[in-house]
Amino acid sequence: MKAYVAILVVIALVSLSDELHAMETIKPQVIETVRYLSERIGQRSYRDLEKLAQAADYIEEKLRSYGCHTTRQAFIYKGNTYHNIVTEVKGTGSVQDGILVIGAHYDSAEGTPGADDNASGVAGLLELARLAEKCPMKRTVRFVAFCLEEPPVFMTKHMGSYIHANSLHDEGIKVFGMISLEMLGYYCHVKGCQYYPSSLFKLAYPGEGNFIAFVGNFSSRRFSGRVKESFASLSEIPVESLNGFSVIPGVDFSDHRNYWKFGYPAFMITDTAFYRNPNYHEQGDTPDTLDYDRLSVLIADLYKAFCTL
């Protein structure tokens, strides 16, 4: 397996050497997206229809500038229309093997500009789409920027990701797996800065928040394990994983949960949100609190890992 992964990574690096050898290619794009969404637009709650429209326009324009064809998936909540932004990048392999869905929500909770939650995830989504468009992965990838993940629709059928997952099911589309990018940019390097739902987790997981986490349910463990193995084999960023029941707070706290409902394996990639970031759902969730060097490396290494799927 490791030899196979190494071969695919070399192919990806040769084809995209100019993009991945220099973080300055990725980092400015990431900073631009995070700052545009969280500073220029700001709070993007379900009430902020004009701001959500501005965010959707920005995401769509960025994707189109990369050569991607985009569509809008409209849905209604409380009499207002919201949009998921969808683009698909064809892979080099057969679609019979199933598509990979990568998603991130672009709305924010009320009272916060949402830099980490979830402008960082959107920045990752856009960069992965840009890299895939330049050098397609083996699998066809459907990139989706979701609207409405935050309260009051959180954990309901009104979430944009539920709408999208339901549409895949209704269309009979074969899905290899879904990955939710949920808060990617906050890291802490002091012992004890990383919290967990109970003290038992401290026995198995780090006390410093310098890692990225892959979190899903038991049914998705083979899928998340495969991605983790590829990522760990080529990245210097530590990675931890958890596949458990939803009774563990946080396991189903993002868009991936809605794909489970239709039988699709899914997990989220996260900096662990409120278990690490003190600015979670607060006004202090601003661009200056994020680690853009680590975020840029993470995106590049995720792209390389996804190329092995």
C-alpha atoms as a PDB file:
ATOM      1  CA  MET A   1       0.000   0.000   0.000  1.00  0.00           C
ATOM      2  CA  LYS A   2       2.765   2.452   0.926  1.00  0.00           C
ATOM      3  CA  ALA A   3       4.581   1.796  -2.365  1.00  0.00           C
ATOM      4  CA  TYR A   4       1.360   2.390  -4.288  1.00  0.00           C
ATOM      5  CA  VAL A   5       0.737   5.633  -2.415  1.00  0.00           C
ATOM      6  CA  ALA A   6       4.300   6.788  -3.089  1.00  0.00           C
ATOM      7  CA  ILE A   7       3.964   6.192  -6.831  1.00  0.00           C
ATOM      8  CA  LEU A   8       0.720   8.154  -7.069  1.00  0.00           C
ATOM      9  CA  VAL A   9       2.127  11.005  -5.026  1.00  0.00           C
ATOM     10  CA  VAL A  10       5.199  11.235  -7.286  1.00  0.00           C
ATOM     11  CA  ILE A  11       2.941  11.409 -10.350  1.00  0.00           C
ATOM     12  CA  ALA A  12       0.889  14.188  -8.758  1.00  0.00           C
ATOM     13  CA  LEU A  13       3.991  16.113  -7.745  1.00  0.00           C
ATOM     14  CA  VAL A  14       5.549  15.879 -11.192  1.00  0.00           C
ATOM     15  CA  SER A  15       2.346  17.078 -12.847  1.00  0.00           C
ATOM     16  CA  LEU A  16       1.813  19.879 -10.378  1.00  0.00           C
ATOM     17  CA  SER A  17       5.320  20.687  -9.181  1.00  0.00           C
ATOM     18  CA  ASP A  18       5.043  24.437  -9.604  1.00  0.00           C
ATOM     19  CA  GLU A  19       1.887  24.479  -7.478  1.00  0.00           C
ATOM     20  CA  LEU A  20       3.010  22.291  -4.606  1.00  0.00           C
ATOM     21  CA  HIS A  21       6.699  23.095  -4.304  1.00  0.00           C
ATOM     22  CA  ALA A  22       5.948  26.633  -3.202  1.00  0.00           C
ATOM     23  CA  MET A  23       3.476  27.389  -0.435  1.00  0.00           C
ATOM     24  CA  GLU A  24       3.351  30.970  -1.630  1.00  0.00           C
ATOM     25  CA  THR A  25       1.009  29.729  -4.375  1.00  0.00           C
ATOM     26  CA  ILE A  26      -1.559  28.413  -1.906  1.00  0.00           C
ATOM     27  CA  LYS A  27      -1.108  30.711   1.077  1.00  0.00           C
ATOM     28  CA  PRO A  28      -2.114  34.033  -0.561  1.00  0.00           C
ATOM     29  CA  GLN A  29      -5.253  32.427  -1.978  1.00  0.00           C
ATOM     30  CA  VAL A  30      -6.197  31.065   1.440  1.00  0.00           C
ATOM     31  CA  ILE A  31      -5.610  34.383   3.190  1.00  0.00           C
ATOM     32  CA  GLU A  32      -7.618  36.230   0.536  1.00  0.00           C
ATOM     33  CA  THR A  33     -10.615  33.908   0.937  1.00  0.00           C
ATOM     34  CA  VAL A  34     -10.601  33.939   4.737  1.00  0.00           C
ATOM     35  CA  ARG A  35     -10.295  37.709   4.884  1.00  0.00           C
ATOM     36  CA  TYR A  36     -12.911  38.323   2.205  1.00  0.00           C
ATOM     37  CA  LEU A  37     -15.505  36.147   3.869  1.00  0.00           C
ATOM     38  CA  SER A  38     -14.847  37.126   7.493  1.00  0.00           C
ATOM     39  CA  GLU A  39     -13.728  40.760   7.154  1.00  0.00           C
ATOM     40  CA  ARG A  40     -15.187  42.219   3.992  1.00  0.00           C
ATOM     41  CA  ILE A  41     -18.478  40.347   4.313  1.00  0.00           C
ATOM     42  CA  GLY A  42     -18.454  39.423   8.002  1.00  0.00           C
ATOM     43  CA  GLN A  43     -21.259  37.620   9.805  1.00  0.00           C
ATOM     44  CA  ARG A  44     -23.069  35.281   7.392  1.00  0.00           C
ATOM     45  CA  SER A  45     -25.979  33.886   9.400  1.00  0.00           C
ATOM     46  CA  TYR A  46     -29.274  32.644   7.988  1.00  0.00           C
ATOM     47  CA  ARG A  47     -30.696  36.122   8.587  1.00  0.00           C
ATOM     48  CA  ASP A  48     -28.002  37.836   6.482  1.00  0.00           C
ATOM     49  CA  LEU A  49     -29.427  37.128   3.036  1.00  0.00           C
ATOM     50  CA  GLU A  50     -27.431  39.804   1.229  1.00  0.00           C
ATOM     51  CA  LYS A  51     -24.161  38.726   2.846  1.00  0.00           C
ATOM     52  CA  LEU A  52     -24.807  35.077   2.060  1.00  0.00           C
ATOM     53  CA  ALA A  53     -25.469  36.083  -1.540  1.00  0.00           C
ATOM     54  CA  GLN A  54     -22.157  37.972  -1.623  1.00  0.00           C
ATOM     55  CA  ALA A  55     -20.353  34.917  -0.249  1.00  0.00           C
ATOM     56  CA  ALA A  56     -22.015  32.646  -2.815  1.00  0.00           C
ATOM     57  CA  ASP A  57     -21.044  35.025  -5.632  1.00  0.00           C
ATOM     58  CA  TYR A  58     -17.444  35.127  -4.419  1.00  0.00           C
ATOM     59  CA  ILE A  59     -17.176  31.329  -4.235  1.00  0.00           C
ATOM     60  CA  GLU A  60     -18.743  30.889  -7.650  1.00  0.00           C
ATOM     61  CA  GLU A  61     -16.515  33.522  -9.266  1.00  0.00           C
ATOM     62  CA  LYS A  62     -13.387  31.950  -7.774  1.00  0.00           C
ATOM     63  CA  LEU A  63     -14.325  28.492  -9.044  1.00  0.00           C
ATOM     64  CA  ARG A  64     -15.094  29.810 -12.511  1.00  0.00           C
ATOM     65  CA  SER A  65     -11.776  31.651 -12.609  1.00  0.00           C
ATOM     66  CA  TYR A  66     -10.102  28.248 -12.172  1.00  0.00           C
ATOM     67  CA  GLY A  67     -11.973  26.889 -15.183  1.00  0.00           C
ATOM     68  CA  CYS A  68     -14.637  25.055 -13.189  1.00  0.00           C
ATOM     69  CA  HIS A  69     -18.255  24.897 -14.320  1.00  0.00           C
ATOM     70  CA  THR A  70     -20.580  25.736 -11.426  1.00  0.00           C
ATOM     71  CA  THR A  71     -24.249  25.226 -10.675  1.00  0.00           C
ATOM     72  CA  ARG A  72     -26.463  26.515  -7.884  1.00  0.00           C
ATOM     73  CA  GLN A  73     -28.674  24.197  -5.890  1.00  0.00           C
ATOM     74  CA  ALA A  74     -31.499  26.343  -4.543  1.00  0.00           C
ATOM     75  CA  PHE A  75     -33.609  25.469  -1.510  1.00  0.00           C
ATOM     76  CA  ILE A  76     -36.137  27.240   0.678  1.00  0.00           C
ATOM     77  CA  TYR A  77     -36.054  27.875   4.416  1.00  0.00           C
ATOM     78  CA  LYS A  78     -38.675  30.027   6.151  1.00  0.00           C
ATOM     79  CA  GLY A  79     -39.720  31.530   2.835  1.00  0.00           C
ATOM     80  CA  ASN A  80     -36.181  32.571   1.810  1.00  0.00           C
ATOM     81  CA  THR A  81     -34.041  31.035  -0.917  1.00  0.00           C
ATOM     82  CA  TYR A  82     -30.528  29.790  -0.166  1.00  0.00           C
ATOM     83  CA  HIS A  83     -27.938  28.191  -2.452  1.00  0.00           C
ATOM     84  CA  ASN A  84     -25.362  25.438  -2.387  1.00  0.00           C
ATOM     85  CA  ILE A  85     -22.577  26.091  -4.914  1.00  0.00           C
ATOM     86  CA  VAL A  86     -21.582  22.923  -6.762  1.00  0.00           C
ATOM     87  CA  THR A  87     -18.768  22.109  -9.162  1.00  0.00           C
ATOM     88  CA  GLU A  88     -17.546  18.755 -10.418  1.00  0.00           C
ATOM     89  CA  VAL A  89     -14.013  18.007 -11.589  1.00  0.00           C
ATOM     90  CA  LYS A  90     -13.799  14.882 -13.718  1.00  0.00           C
ATOM     91  CA  GLY A  91     -11.254  12.327 -12.636  1.00  0.00           C
ATOM     92  CA  THR A  92      -8.910  10.217 -14.738  1.00  0.00           C
ATOM     93  CA  GLY A  93     -10.562   6.983 -13.609  1.00  0.00           C
ATOM     94  CA  SER A  94     -14.009   5.501 -14.120  1.00  0.00           C
ATOM     95  CA  VAL A  95     -17.020   7.144 -12.499  1.00  0.00           C
ATOM     96  CA  GLN A  96     -18.289   3.604 -11.920  1.00  0.00           C
ATOM     97  CA  ASP A  97     -15.979   3.552  -8.914  1.00  0.00           C
ATOM     98  CA  GLY A  98     -18.040   6.299  -7.292  1.00  0.00           C
ATOM     99  CA  ILE A  99     -17.460  10.014  -6.869  1.00  0.00           C
ATOM    100  CA  LEU A 100     -15.740  11.733  -3.963  1.00  0.00           C
ATOM    101  CA  VAL A 101     -17.725  14.573  -2.385  1.00  0.00           C
ATOM    102  CA  ILE A 102     -15.787  17.336  -0.611  1.00  0.00           C
ATOM    103  CA  GLY A 103     -17.820  20.012   1.126  1.00  0.00           C
ATOM    104  CA  ALA A 104     -17.582  23.032   3.414  1.00  0.00           C
ATOM    105  CA  HIS A 105     -20.260  25.388   4.708  1.00  0.00           C
ATOM    106  CA  TYR A 106     -19.922  29.112   4.014  1.00  0.00           C
ATOM    107  CA  ASP A 107     -22.442  30.472   6.488  1.00  0.00           C
ATOM    108  CA  SER A 108     -21.419  31.523   9.997  1.00  0.00           C
ATOM    109  CA  ALA A 109     -23.142  31.547  13.359  1.00  0.00           C
ATOM    110  CA  GLU A 110     -24.779  34.740  14.529  1.00  0.00           C
ATOM    111  CA  GLY A 111     -22.421  37.029  16.397  1.00  0.00           C
ATOM    112  CA  THR A 112     -19.228  35.881  14.698  1.00  0.00           C
ATOM    113  CA  PRO A 113     -17.313  36.780  11.501  1.00  0.00           C
ATOM    114  CA  GLY A 114     -16.496  33.078  11.146  1.00  0.00           C
ATOM    115  CA  ALA A 115     -12.841  33.075  10.092  1.00  0.00           C
ATOM    116  CA  ASP A 116     -12.055  29.572  11.304  1.00  0.00           C
ATOM    117  CA  ASP A 117     -15.731  28.553  11.306  1.00  0.00           C
ATOM    118  CA  ASN A 118     -15.877  28.177   8.428  1.00  0.00           C
ATOM    119  CA  ALA A 119     -14.026  30.526   6.081  1.00  0.00           C
ATOM    120  CA  SER A 120     -10.980  28.308   6.633  1.00  0.00           C
ATOM    121  CA  GLY A 121     -12.901  25.285   5.347  1.00  0.00           C
ATOM    122  CA  VAL A 122     -14.139  27.214   2.303  1.00  0.00           C
ATOM    123  CA  ALA A 123     -10.579  28.349   1.582  1.00  0.00           C
ATOM    124  CA  GLY A 124      -9.501  24.715   1.669  1.00  0.00           C
ATOM    125  CA  LEU A 125     -12.368  23.715  -0.612  1.00  0.00           C
ATOM    126  CA  LEU A 126     -11.493  26.365  -3.204  1.00  0.00           C
ATOM    127  CA  GLU A 127      -7.800  25.488  -3.219  1.00  0.00           C
ATOM    128  CA  LEU A 128      -8.482  21.772  -3.558  1.00  0.00           C
ATOM    129  CA  ALA A 129     -10.781  22.510  -6.494  1.00  0.00           C
ATOM    130  CA  ARG A 130      -8.130  24.718  -8.100  1.00  0.00           C
ATOM    131  CA  LEU A 131      -5.459  22.040  -7.728  1.00  0.00           C
ATOM    132  CA  ALA A 132      -7.786  19.311  -8.994  1.00  0.00           C
ATOM    133  CA  GLU A 133      -8.735  21.369 -12.042  1.00  0.00           C
ATOM    134  CA  LYS A 134      -5.038  21.812 -12.886  1.00  0.00           C
ATOM    135  CA  CYS A 135      -4.215  18.162 -12.285  1.00  0.00           C
ATOM    136  CA  PRO A 136      -7.306  15.930 -11.909  1.00  0.00           C
ATOM    137  CA  MET A 137      -7.399  13.233  -9.294  1.00  0.00           C
ATOM    138  CA  LYS A 138      -8.174   9.630 -10.183  1.00  0.00           C
ATOM    139  CA  ARG A 139     -11.674   9.991  -8.789  1.00  0.00           C
ATOM    140  CA  THR A 140     -14.244  12.454 -10.018  1.00  0.00           C
ATOM    141  CA  VAL A 141     -14.753  14.991  -7.250  1.00  0.00           C
ATOM    142  CA  ARG A 142     -17.870  16.973  -6.546  1.00  0.00           C
ATOM    143  CA  PHE A 143     -16.989  20.085  -4.565  1.00  0.00           C
ATOM    144  CA  VAL A 144     -19.906  21.648  -2.681  1.00  0.00           C
ATOM    145  CA  ALA A 145     -20.019  24.917  -0.733  1.00  0.00           C
ATOM    146  CA  PHE A 146     -22.996  24.481   1.578  1.00  0.00           C
ATOM    147  CA  CYS A 147     -25.284  27.188   2.852  1.00  0.00           C
ATOM    148  CA  LEU A 148     -27.007  26.794   6.233  1.00  0.00           C
ATOM    149  CA  GLU A 149     -25.033  24.558   8.568  1.00  0.00           C
ATOM    150  CA  GLU A 150     -25.253  26.726  11.668  1.00  0.00           C
ATOM    151  CA  PRO A 151     -28.204  27.161  14.082  1.00  0.00           C
ATOM    152  CA  PRO A 152     -31.145  27.292  13.896  1.00  0.00           C
ATOM    153  CA  VAL A 153     -31.048  24.688  11.104  1.00  0.00           C
ATOM    154  CA  PHE A 154     -28.172  22.669  12.595  1.00  0.00           C
ATOM    155  CA  MET A 155     -29.050  18.964  12.823  1.00  0.00           C
ATOM    156  CA  THR A 156     -32.242  19.387  10.784  1.00  0.00           C
ATOM    157  CA  LYS A 157     -33.342  18.538   7.255  1.00  0.00           C
ATOM    158  CA  HIS A 158     -33.024  22.222   6.373  1.00  0.00           C
ATOM    159  CA  MET A 159     -29.206  22.075   6.269  1.00  0.00           C
ATOM    160  CA  GLY A 160     -27.749  22.662   2.813  1.00  0.00           C
ATOM    161  CA  SER A 161     -25.760  19.455   3.115  1.00  0.00           C
ATOM    162  CA  TYR A 162     -28.913  17.443   3.804  1.00  0.00           C
ATOM    163  CA  ILE A 163     -30.452  18.907   0.662  1.00  0.00           C
ATOM    164  CA  HIS A 164     -27.391  17.891  -1.346  1.00  0.00           C
ATOM    165  CA  ALA A 165     -27.041  14.407   0.148  1.00  0.00           C
ATOM    166  CA  ASN A 166     -30.723  13.770  -0.485  1.00  0.00           C
ATOM    167  CA  SER A 167     -30.339  14.848  -4.127  1.00  0.00           C
ATOM    168  CA  LEU A 168     -27.461  12.418  -4.657  1.00  0.00           C
ATOM    169  CA  HIS A 169     -29.589   9.620  -3.261  1.00  0.00           C
ATOM    170  CA  ASP A 170     -32.588  10.545  -5.398  1.00  0.00           C
ATOM    171  CA  GLU A 171     -30.417  10.667  -8.525  1.00  0.00           C
ATOM    172  CA  GLY A 172     -28.891   7.275  -7.726  1.00  0.00           C
ATOM    173  CA  ILE A 173     -25.328   8.617  -7.833  1.00  0.00           C
ATOM    174  CA  LYS A 174     -22.685   6.243  -6.519  1.00  0.00           C
ATOM    175  CA  VAL A 175     -20.654   7.946  -3.795  1.00  0.00           C
ATOM    176  CA  PHE A 176     -17.274   6.589  -2.756  1.00  0.00           C
ATOM    177  CA  GLY A 177     -17.252   8.845   0.273  1.00  0.00           C
ATOM    178  CA  MET A 178     -17.842  12.354   1.565  1.00  0.00           C
ATOM    179  CA  ILE A 179     -15.375  14.622   3.390  1.00  0.00           C
ATOM    180  CA  SER A 180     -16.468  17.715   5.291  1.00  0.00           C
ATOM    181  CA  LEU A 181     -13.914  20.492   5.783  1.00  0.00           C
ATOM    182  CA  GLU A 182     -14.913  21.986   9.129  1.00  0.00           C
ATOM    183  CA  MET A 183     -12.576  24.527  10.749  1.00  0.00           C
ATOM    184  CA  LEU A 184      -8.999  23.914   9.561  1.00  0.00           C
ATOM    185  CA  GLY A 185      -6.919  26.868  10.669  1.00  0.00           C
ATOM    186  CA  TYR A 186      -6.526  27.090  14.461  1.00  0.00           C
ATOM    187  CA  TYR A 187      -3.592  25.414  16.220  1.00  0.00           C
ATOM    188  CA  CYS A 188      -2.128  25.717  19.719  1.00  0.00           C
ATOM    189  CA  HIS A 189       1.215  24.431  20.919  1.00  0.00           C
ATOM    190  CA  VAL A 190       0.970  24.669  24.694  1.00  0.00           C
ATOM    191  CA  LYS A 191       0.456  21.508  26.715  1.00  0.00           C
ATOM    192  CA  GLY A 192      -3.097  21.371  27.986  1.00  0.00           C
ATOM    193  CA  CYS A 193      -4.567  23.671  25.323  1.00  0.00           C
ATOM    194  CA  GLN A 194      -6.364  20.744  23.691  1.00  0.00           C
ATOM    195  CA  TYR A 195      -9.570  19.619  25.391  1.00  0.00           C
ATOM    196  CA  TYR A 196     -11.707  16.515  24.980  1.00  0.00           C
ATOM    197  CA  PRO A 197     -15.260  15.441  25.812  1.00  0.00           C
ATOM    198  CA  SER A 198     -13.969  13.454  28.792  1.00  0.00           C
ATOM    199  CA  SER A 199     -10.721  12.853  30.658  1.00  0.00           C
ATOM    200  CA  LEU A 200     -10.573   9.337  29.191  1.00  0.00           C
ATOM    201  CA  PHE A 201      -9.614  10.790  25.809  1.00  0.00           C
ATOM    202  CA  LYS A 202      -6.526  12.383  27.324  1.00  0.00           C
ATOM    203  CA  LEU A 203      -5.036   8.922  27.737  1.00  0.00           C
ATOM    204  CA  ALA A 204      -5.071   8.292  23.981  1.00  0.00           C
ATOM    205  CA  TYR A 205      -4.861  11.740  22.373  1.00  0.00           C
ATOM    206  CA  PRO A 206      -2.348  14.640  22.523  1.00  0.00           C
ATOM    207  CA  GLY A 207      -2.527  17.507  25.007  1.00  0.00           C
ATOM    208  CA  GLU A 208      -1.331  20.019  22.424  1.00  0.00           C
ATOM    209  CA  GLY A 209      -3.581  21.200  19.630  1.00  0.00           C
ATOM    210  CA  ASN A 210      -1.023  20.887  16.840  1.00  0.00           C
ATOM    211  CA  PHE A 211      -2.762  18.067  14.945  1.00  0.00           C
ATOM    212  CA  ILE A 212      -5.613  17.720  12.480  1.00  0.00           C
ATOM    213  CA  ALA A 213      -8.453  15.318  13.266  1.00  0.00           C
ATOM    214  CA  PHE A 214     -10.466  12.934  11.073  1.00  0.00           C
ATOM    215  CA  VAL A 215     -13.805  12.343  12.808  1.00  0.00           C
ATOM    216  CA  GLY A 216     -16.660  10.091  11.741  1.00  0.00           C
ATOM    217  CA  ASN A 217     -18.971   7.253  12.736  1.00  0.00           C
ATOM    218  CA  PHE A 218     -18.183   3.533  12.931  1.00  0.00           C
ATOM    219  CA  SER A 219     -19.672   2.831   9.516  1.00  0.00           C
ATOM    220  CA  SER A 220     -17.200   5.264   7.927  1.00  0.00           C
ATOM    221  CA  ARG A 221     -14.076   3.925   9.645  1.00  0.00           C
ATOM    222  CA  ARG A 222     -12.715   2.066   6.584  1.00  0.00           C
ATOM    223  CA  PHE A 223     -13.091   5.159   4.426  1.00  0.00           C
ATOM    224  CA  SER A 224     -11.586   7.576   6.944  1.00  0.00           C
ATOM    225  CA  GLY A 225      -8.866   5.060   7.772  1.00  0.00           C
ATOM    226  CA  ARG A 226      -7.813   4.836   4.136  1.00  0.00           C
ATOM    227  CA  VAL A 227      -7.572   8.606   3.829  1.00  0.00           C
ATOM    228  CA  LYS A 228      -5.718   8.851   7.130  1.00  0.00           C
ATOM    229  CA  GLU A 229      -3.181   6.225   6.059  1.00  0.00           C
ATOM    230  CA  SER A 230      -2.424   8.116   2.850  1.00  0.00           C
ATOM    231  CA  PHE A 231      -2.239  11.490   4.594  1.00  0.00           C
ATOM    232  CA  ALA A 232      -0.016  10.229   7.418  1.00  0.00           C
ATOM    233  CA  SER A 233       2.394   8.621   4.945  1.00  0.00           C
ATOM    234  CA  LEU A 234       3.201  11.916   3.233  1.00  0.00           C
ATOM    235  CA  SER A 235       2.502  14.765   5.670  1.00  0.00           C
ATOM    236  CA  GLU A 236       4.471  16.135   8.602  1.00  0.00           C
ATOM    237  CA  ILE A 237       1.259  17.415  10.187  1.00  0.00           C
ATOM    238  CA  PRO A 238       0.175  15.000  12.935  1.00  0.00           C
ATOM    239  CA  VAL A 239      -3.213  13.397  12.332  1.00  0.00           C
ATOM    240  CA  GLU A 240      -5.561  11.797  14.855  1.00  0.00           C
ATOM    241  CA  SER A 241      -8.789   9.971  14.150  1.00  0.00           C
ATOM    242  CA  LEU A 242     -11.977   9.063  15.950  1.00  0.00           C
ATOM    243  CA  ASN A 243     -14.816   6.869  14.715  1.00  0.00           C
ATOM    244  CA  GLY A 244     -17.530   6.646  17.323  1.00  0.00           C
ATOM    245  CA  PHE A 245     -21.134   7.132  18.284  1.00  0.00           C
ATOM    246  CA  SER A 246     -22.973  10.431  18.016  1.00  0.00           C
ATOM    247  CA  VAL A 247     -23.378  10.513  21.792  1.00  0.00           C
ATOM    248  CA  ILE A 248     -19.755  11.716  21.887  1.00  0.00           C
ATOM    249  CA  PRO A 249     -20.138  15.511  21.547  1.00  0.00           C
ATOM    250  CA  GLY A 250     -18.678  16.646  18.246  1.00  0.00           C
ATOM    251  CA  VAL A 251     -18.672  13.400  16.279  1.00  0.00           C
ATOM    252  CA  ASP A 252     -21.638  14.511  14.169  1.00  0.00           C
ATOM    253  CA  PHE A 253     -21.277  18.284  14.517  1.00  0.00           C
ATOM    254  CA  SER A 254     -20.984  19.129  10.829  1.00  0.00           C
ATOM    255  CA  ASP A 255     -22.247  18.434   7.327  1.00  0.00           C
ATOM    256  CA  HIS A 256     -20.894  14.892   7.095  1.00  0.00           C
ATOM    257  CA  ARG A 257     -23.693  13.670   9.391  1.00  0.00           C
ATOM    258  CA  ASN A 258     -26.290  14.157   6.663  1.00  0.00           C
ATOM    259  CA  TYR A 259     -24.556  11.751   4.279  1.00  0.00           C
ATOM    260  CA  TRP A 260     -24.748   8.970   6.854  1.00  0.00           C
ATOM    261  CA  LYS A 261     -28.536   9.218   6.642  1.00  0.00           C
ATOM    262  CA  PHE A 262     -28.399   8.069   3.007  1.00  0.00           C
ATOM    263  CA  GLY A 263     -25.869   5.295   3.538  1.00  0.00           C
ATOM    264  CA  TYR A 264     -22.765   7.168   2.365  1.00  0.00           C
ATOM    265  CA  PRO A 265     -19.487   6.888   4.309  1.00  0.00           C
ATOM    266  CA  ALA A 266     -18.457  10.342   5.500  1.00  0.00           C
ATOM    267  CA  PHE A 267     -16.198  12.073   7.987  1.00  0.00           C
ATOM    268  CA  MET A 268     -15.003  15.562   8.798  1.00  0.00           C
ATOM    269  CA  ILE A 269     -11.506  16.997   8.805  1.00  0.00           C
ATOM    270  CA  THR A 270     -11.260  19.511  11.638  1.00  0.00           C
ATOM    271  CA  ASP A 271      -9.007  21.374  14.036  1.00  0.00           C
ATOM    272  CA  THR A 272     -11.498  20.129  16.703  1.00  0.00           C
ATOM    273  CA  ALA A 273     -13.378  23.450  17.004  1.00  0.00           C
ATOM    274  CA  PHE A 274     -14.455  24.266  20.587  1.00  0.00           C
ATOM    275  CA  TYR A 275     -12.140  21.607  21.992  1.00  0.00           C
ATOM    276  CA  ARG A 276      -9.258  23.885  21.029  1.00  0.00           C
ATOM    277  CA  ASN A 277     -10.336  27.227  19.643  1.00  0.00           C
ATOM    278  CA  PRO A 278     -11.515  29.670  22.379  1.00  0.00           C
ATOM    279  CA  ASN A 279     -13.010  31.900  19.664  1.00  0.00           C
ATOM    280  CA  TYR A 280     -15.561  29.309  18.536  1.00  0.00           C
ATOM    281  CA  HIS A 281     -18.860  31.062  17.734  1.00  0.00           C
ATOM    282  CA  GLU A 282     -17.498  34.289  19.198  1.00  0.00           C
ATOM    283  CA  GLN A 283     -16.688  37.713  17.783  1.00  0.00           C
ATOM    284  CA  GLY A 284     -13.032  36.858  18.237  1.00  0.00           C
ATOM    285  CA  ASP A 285     -13.049  34.285  15.424  1.00  0.00           C
ATOM    286  CA  THR A 286     -11.019  36.618  13.205  1.00  0.00           C
ATOM    287  CA  PRO A 287      -8.427  36.069  10.439  1.00  0.00           C
ATOM    288  CA  ASP A 288      -5.474  37.075  12.616  1.00  0.00           C
ATOM    289  CA  THR A 289      -6.006  34.046  14.891  1.00  0.00           C
ATOM    290  CA  LEU A 290      -5.276  31.447  12.187  1.00  0.00           C
ATOM    291  CA  ASP A 291      -2.029  29.697  11.258  1.00  0.00           C
ATOM    292  CA  TYR A 292      -1.861  30.161   7.491  1.00  0.00           C
ATOM    293  CA  ASP A 293       1.451  28.345   7.046  1.00  0.00           C
ATOM    294  CA  ARG A 294       0.105  25.172   8.591  1.00  0.00           C
ATOM    295  CA  LEU A 295      -3.240  25.574   6.844  1.00  0.00           C
ATOM    296  CA  SER A 296      -1.509  25.878   3.460  1.00  0.00           C
ATOM    297  CA  VAL A 297       0.614  22.786   4.066  1.00  0.00           C
ATOM    298  CA  LEU A 298      -2.491  20.909   5.198  1.00  0.00           C
ATOM    299  CA  ILE A 299      -4.342  21.731   1.975  1.00  0.00           C
ATOM    300  CA  ALA A 300      -1.413  20.689  -0.220  1.00  0.00           C
ATOM    301  CA  ASP A 301      -0.998  17.409   1.668  1.00  0.00           C
ATOM    302  CA  LEU A 302      -4.736  16.671   1.590  1.00  0.00           C
ATOM    303  CA  TYR A 303      -4.686  17.121  -2.177  1.00  0.00           C
ATOM    304  CA  LYS A 304      -1.848  14.626  -2.490  1.00  0.00           C
ATOM    305  CA  ALA A 305      -3.634  12.173  -0.199  1.00  0.00           C
ATOM    306  CA  PHE A 306      -6.890  12.463  -2.155  1.00  0.00           C
ATOM    307  CA  CYS A 307      -4.947  11.704  -5.352  1.00  0.00           C
ATOM    308  CA  THR A 308      -4.295   8.198  -3.982  1.00  0.00           C
ATOM    309  CA  LEU A 309      -7.972   7.311  -3.543  1.00  0.00           C
END
